Amino acid sequence: MSVLDDWVADVAAALNLDPAALDTDLVLDLTRDVAHGVARPAAPLTAFLVGLAAGRAGGDPDDVRAAVATVLALIAARPRTA
């Protein structure tokens, strides 16, 4: 296991989450896209907001994917800056 995998497992256990239900790559890809498409500080805030939205919707992996898809659509719709 990598340090990241160990950390995610530790945090999931501390927060009583099933680590098997977590899609780490999806969240990392999301934060990368937000950091590059919006602003670096927006990345962790967006991940937090996606987590809140997914939790309110029921919290299963499909809810996370739906919230991520919504954010990615927002990024795609943003005007490009030079």
N, C-alpha and C. Protein backbone atom coordinates (compact mmCIF):
# COMPACT_ATOMS: atom_id res chain seq x y z
N MET A 1 0.84 -1.19 0.00
CA MET A 1 0.00 0.00 0.00
C MET A 1 0.88 1.25 0.00
N SER A 2 0.41 2.28 -0.68
CA SER A 2 1.12 3.55 -0.68
C SER A 2 0.71 4.37 0.54
N VAL A 3 1.42 5.43 0.76
CA VAL A 3 1.08 6.34 1.85
C VAL A 3 -0.34 6.87 1.67
N LEU A 4 -0.69 7.20 0.42
CA LEU A 4 -2.04 7.69 0.14
C LEU A 4 -3.09 6.62 0.47
N ASP A 5 -2.84 5.39 0.06
CA ASP A 5 -3.78 4.30 0.37
C ASP A 5 -3.93 4.11 1.87
N ASP A 6 -2.81 4.15 2.57
CA ASP A 6 -2.84 4.01 4.03
C ASP A 6 -3.65 5.14 4.66
N TRP A 7 -3.41 6.37 4.17
CA TRP A 7 -4.11 7.53 4.72
C TRP A 7 -5.61 7.42 4.48
N VAL A 8 -6.01 7.07 3.27
CA VAL A 8 -7.43 6.94 2.95
C VAL A 8 -8.06 5.86 3.82
N ALA A 9 -7.39 4.75 4.00
CA ALA A 9 -7.91 3.68 4.85
C ALA A 9 -8.07 4.15 6.29
N ASP A 10 -7.08 4.89 6.80
CA ASP A 10 -7.15 5.40 8.18
C ASP A 10 -8.30 6.39 8.35
N VAL A 11 -8.42 7.32 7.40
CA VAL A 11 -9.49 8.34 7.49
C VAL A 11 -10.85 7.67 7.34
N ALA A 12 -10.97 6.75 6.39
CA ALA A 12 -12.25 6.05 6.21
C ALA A 12 -12.65 5.33 7.49
N ALA A 13 -11.71 4.65 8.12
CA ALA A 13 -12.02 3.94 9.37
C ALA A 13 -12.42 4.93 10.47
N ALA A 14 -11.70 6.04 10.57
CA ALA A 14 -12.01 7.03 11.61
C ALA A 14 -13.37 7.67 11.40
N LEU A 15 -13.80 7.78 10.13
CA LEU A 15 -15.08 8.41 9.82
C LEU A 15 -16.19 7.38 9.61
N ASN A 16 -15.88 6.11 9.90
CA ASN A 16 -16.85 5.02 9.77
C ASN A 16 -17.38 4.92 8.34
N LEU A 17 -16.46 5.00 7.37
CA LEU A 17 -16.80 4.85 5.96
C LEU A 17 -16.23 3.54 5.44
N ASP A 18 -16.88 2.97 4.45
CA ASP A 18 -16.40 1.74 3.84
C ASP A 18 -15.34 2.11 2.80
N PRO A 19 -14.07 1.78 3.03
CA PRO A 19 -13.03 2.14 2.07
C PRO A 19 -13.24 1.52 0.70
N ALA A 20 -13.94 0.39 0.63
CA ALA A 20 -14.20 -0.25 -0.66
C ALA A 20 -15.16 0.58 -1.52
N ALA A 21 -15.93 1.44 -0.88
CA ALA A 21 -16.90 2.27 -1.61
C ALA A 21 -16.29 3.59 -2.09
N LEU A 22 -15.03 3.83 -1.74
CA LEU A 22 -14.40 5.10 -2.10
C LEU A 22 -13.68 4.97 -3.44
N ASP A 23 -13.91 5.93 -4.32
CA ASP A 23 -13.23 5.96 -5.61
C ASP A 23 -12.19 7.07 -5.56
N THR A 24 -11.02 6.73 -5.03
CA THR A 24 -9.96 7.71 -4.84
C THR A 24 -9.54 8.35 -6.15
N ASP A 25 -9.42 7.54 -7.20
CA ASP A 25 -9.01 8.09 -8.49
C ASP A 25 -10.01 9.12 -9.02
N LEU A 26 -11.30 8.86 -8.83
CA LEU A 26 -12.32 9.81 -9.27
C LEU A 26 -12.15 11.16 -8.59
N VAL A 27 -11.93 11.14 -7.29
CA VAL A 27 -11.77 12.38 -6.54
C VAL A 27 -10.47 13.09 -6.91
N LEU A 28 -9.40 12.33 -7.07
CA LEU A 28 -8.13 12.95 -7.47
C LEU A 28 -8.23 13.56 -8.86
N ASP A 29 -8.90 12.87 -9.78
CA ASP A 29 -9.08 13.42 -11.12
C ASP A 29 -9.94 14.69 -11.06
N LEU A 30 -10.98 14.66 -10.25
CA LEU A 30 -11.82 15.85 -10.09
C LEU A 30 -11.01 17.03 -9.58
N THR A 31 -10.24 16.82 -8.53
CA THR A 31 -9.49 17.93 -7.96
C THR A 31 -8.44 18.45 -8.94
N ARG A 32 -7.85 17.57 -9.73
CA ARG A 32 -6.91 18.01 -10.77
C ARG A 32 -7.62 18.90 -11.79
N ASP A 33 -8.79 18.45 -12.25
CA ASP A 33 -9.53 19.21 -13.25
C ASP A 33 -9.97 20.56 -12.71
N VAL A 34 -10.39 20.60 -11.46
CA VAL A 34 -10.80 21.87 -10.85
C VAL A 34 -9.59 22.79 -10.69
N ALA A 35 -8.48 22.23 -10.22
CA ALA A 35 -7.27 23.05 -10.01
C ALA A 35 -6.80 23.68 -11.32
N HIS A 36 -6.89 22.92 -12.41
CA HIS A 36 -6.42 23.43 -13.70
C HIS A 36 -7.48 24.23 -14.43
N GLY A 37 -8.76 23.91 -14.22
CA GLY A 37 -9.82 24.57 -14.95
C GLY A 37 -10.45 25.73 -14.24
N VAL A 38 -10.23 25.85 -12.95
CA VAL A 38 -10.82 26.94 -12.17
C VAL A 38 -9.70 27.67 -11.42
N ALA A 39 -9.27 27.09 -10.32
CA ALA A 39 -8.17 27.64 -9.51
C ALA A 39 -7.75 26.59 -8.51
N ARG A 40 -6.47 26.58 -8.18
CA ARG A 40 -5.95 25.57 -7.24
C ARG A 40 -6.73 25.53 -5.92
N PRO A 41 -6.99 26.68 -5.29
CA PRO A 41 -7.70 26.61 -4.01
C PRO A 41 -9.13 26.08 -4.12
N ALA A 42 -9.68 26.09 -5.33
CA ALA A 42 -11.04 25.58 -5.52
C ALA A 42 -11.09 24.06 -5.44
N ALA A 43 -9.96 23.39 -5.65
CA ALA A 43 -9.96 21.92 -5.70
C ALA A 43 -10.40 21.26 -4.39
N PRO A 44 -9.78 21.56 -3.25
CA PRO A 44 -10.24 20.89 -2.03
C PRO A 44 -11.64 21.33 -1.62
N LEU A 45 -11.97 22.59 -1.88
CA LEU A 45 -13.32 23.06 -1.54
C LEU A 45 -14.37 22.34 -2.38
N THR A 46 -14.06 22.13 -3.64
CA THR A 46 -14.99 21.41 -4.52
C THR A 46 -15.15 19.97 -4.07
N ALA A 47 -14.05 19.32 -3.70
CA ALA A 47 -14.13 17.95 -3.22
C ALA A 47 -15.01 17.87 -1.97
N PHE A 48 -14.88 18.84 -1.11
CA PHE A 48 -15.70 18.90 0.10
C PHE A 48 -17.18 19.06 -0.27
N LEU A 49 -17.46 19.97 -1.21
CA LEU A 49 -18.85 20.20 -1.63
C LEU A 49 -19.44 18.97 -2.31
N VAL A 50 -18.65 18.27 -3.11
CA VAL A 50 -19.11 17.03 -3.73
C VAL A 50 -19.45 16.01 -2.65
N GLY A 51 -18.62 15.92 -1.63
CA GLY A 51 -18.90 15.00 -0.53
C GLY A 51 -20.18 15.35 0.21
N LEU A 52 -20.39 16.64 0.45
CA LEU A 52 -21.63 17.06 1.10
C LEU A 52 -22.84 16.70 0.25
N ALA A 53 -22.76 17.03 -1.04
CA ALA A 53 -23.89 16.75 -1.93
C ALA A 53 -24.17 15.26 -2.02
N ALA A 54 -23.13 14.47 -2.15
CA ALA A 54 -23.30 13.01 -2.24
C ALA A 54 -23.89 12.46 -0.95
N GLY A 55 -23.43 12.97 0.18
CA GLY A 55 -23.96 12.51 1.46
C GLY A 55 -25.43 12.84 1.62
N ARG A 56 -25.81 14.01 1.20
CA ARG A 56 -27.22 14.41 1.30
C ARG A 56 -28.09 13.59 0.36
N ALA A 57 -27.53 13.17 -0.76
CA ALA A 57 -28.30 12.39 -1.74
C ALA A 57 -28.43 10.92 -1.32
N GLY A 58 -27.67 10.49 -0.36
CA GLY A 58 -27.74 9.11 0.09
C GLY A 58 -26.37 8.52 0.36
N GLY A 59 -25.36 9.05 -0.31
CA GLY A 59 -23.99 8.68 0.01
C GLY A 59 -23.44 7.46 -0.67
N ASP A 60 -24.16 6.88 -1.62
CA ASP A 60 -23.57 5.72 -2.28
C ASP A 60 -22.67 6.17 -3.43
N PRO A 61 -21.85 5.28 -3.97
CA PRO A 61 -20.90 5.67 -5.02
C PRO A 61 -21.56 6.32 -6.23
N ASP A 62 -22.79 5.94 -6.57
CA ASP A 62 -23.48 6.58 -7.68
C ASP A 62 -23.76 8.05 -7.39
N ASP A 63 -24.03 8.38 -6.14
CA ASP A 63 -24.26 9.77 -5.76
C ASP A 63 -22.98 10.59 -5.92
N VAL A 64 -21.85 9.99 -5.57
CA VAL A 64 -20.56 10.68 -5.74
C VAL A 64 -20.30 10.91 -7.23
N ARG A 65 -20.50 9.87 -8.04
CA ARG A 65 -20.26 10.02 -9.48
C ARG A 65 -21.18 11.07 -10.08
N ALA A 66 -22.42 11.13 -9.65
CA ALA A 66 -23.36 12.13 -10.17
C ALA A 66 -22.91 13.54 -9.79
N ALA A 67 -22.47 13.72 -8.56
CA ALA A 67 -22.00 15.04 -8.13
C ALA A 67 -20.75 15.44 -8.89
N VAL A 68 -19.85 14.50 -9.10
CA VAL A 68 -18.63 14.78 -9.87
C VAL A 68 -18.99 15.15 -11.30
N ALA A 69 -19.92 14.43 -11.91
CA ALA A 69 -20.34 14.74 -13.28
C ALA A 69 -20.93 16.14 -13.37
N THR A 70 -21.67 16.55 -12.36
CA THR A 70 -22.23 17.90 -12.34
C THR A 70 -21.13 18.95 -12.32
N VAL A 71 -20.13 18.73 -11.48
CA VAL A 71 -19.02 19.68 -11.38
C VAL A 71 -18.22 19.71 -12.68
N LEU A 72 -17.96 18.55 -13.27
CA LEU A 72 -17.21 18.51 -14.52
C LEU A 72 -17.97 19.24 -15.63
N ALA A 73 -19.29 19.15 -15.63
CA ALA A 73 -20.09 19.89 -16.61
C ALA A 73 -19.95 21.39 -16.38
N LEU A 74 -19.90 21.81 -15.13
CA LEU A 74 -19.69 23.24 -14.83
C LEU A 74 -18.34 23.71 -15.34
N ILE A 75 -17.32 22.91 -15.15
CA ILE A 75 -15.99 23.28 -15.63
C ILE A 75 -16.00 23.38 -17.15
N ALA A 76 -16.62 22.41 -17.82
CA ALA A 76 -16.66 22.41 -19.28
C ALA A 76 -17.40 23.62 -19.83
N ALA A 77 -18.38 24.12 -19.08
CA ALA A 77 -19.17 25.26 -19.53
C ALA A 77 -18.50 26.60 -19.26
N ARG A 78 -17.45 26.60 -18.46
CA ARG A 78 -16.76 27.86 -18.13
C ARG A 78 -16.04 28.41 -19.35
N PRO A 79 -16.05 29.73 -19.48
CA PRO A 79 -15.25 30.32 -20.56
C PRO A 79 -13.78 30.05 -20.31
N ARG A 80 -13.06 29.75 -21.36
CA ARG A 80 -11.63 29.51 -21.26
C ARG A 80 -10.91 30.84 -21.12
N THR A 81 -9.92 30.85 -20.22
CA THR A 81 -9.08 32.04 -20.07
C THR A 81 -7.70 31.72 -20.62
N ALA A 82 -7.04 32.73 -21.13
CA ALA A 82 -5.73 32.51 -21.75
C ALA A 82 -4.64 32.41 -20.75
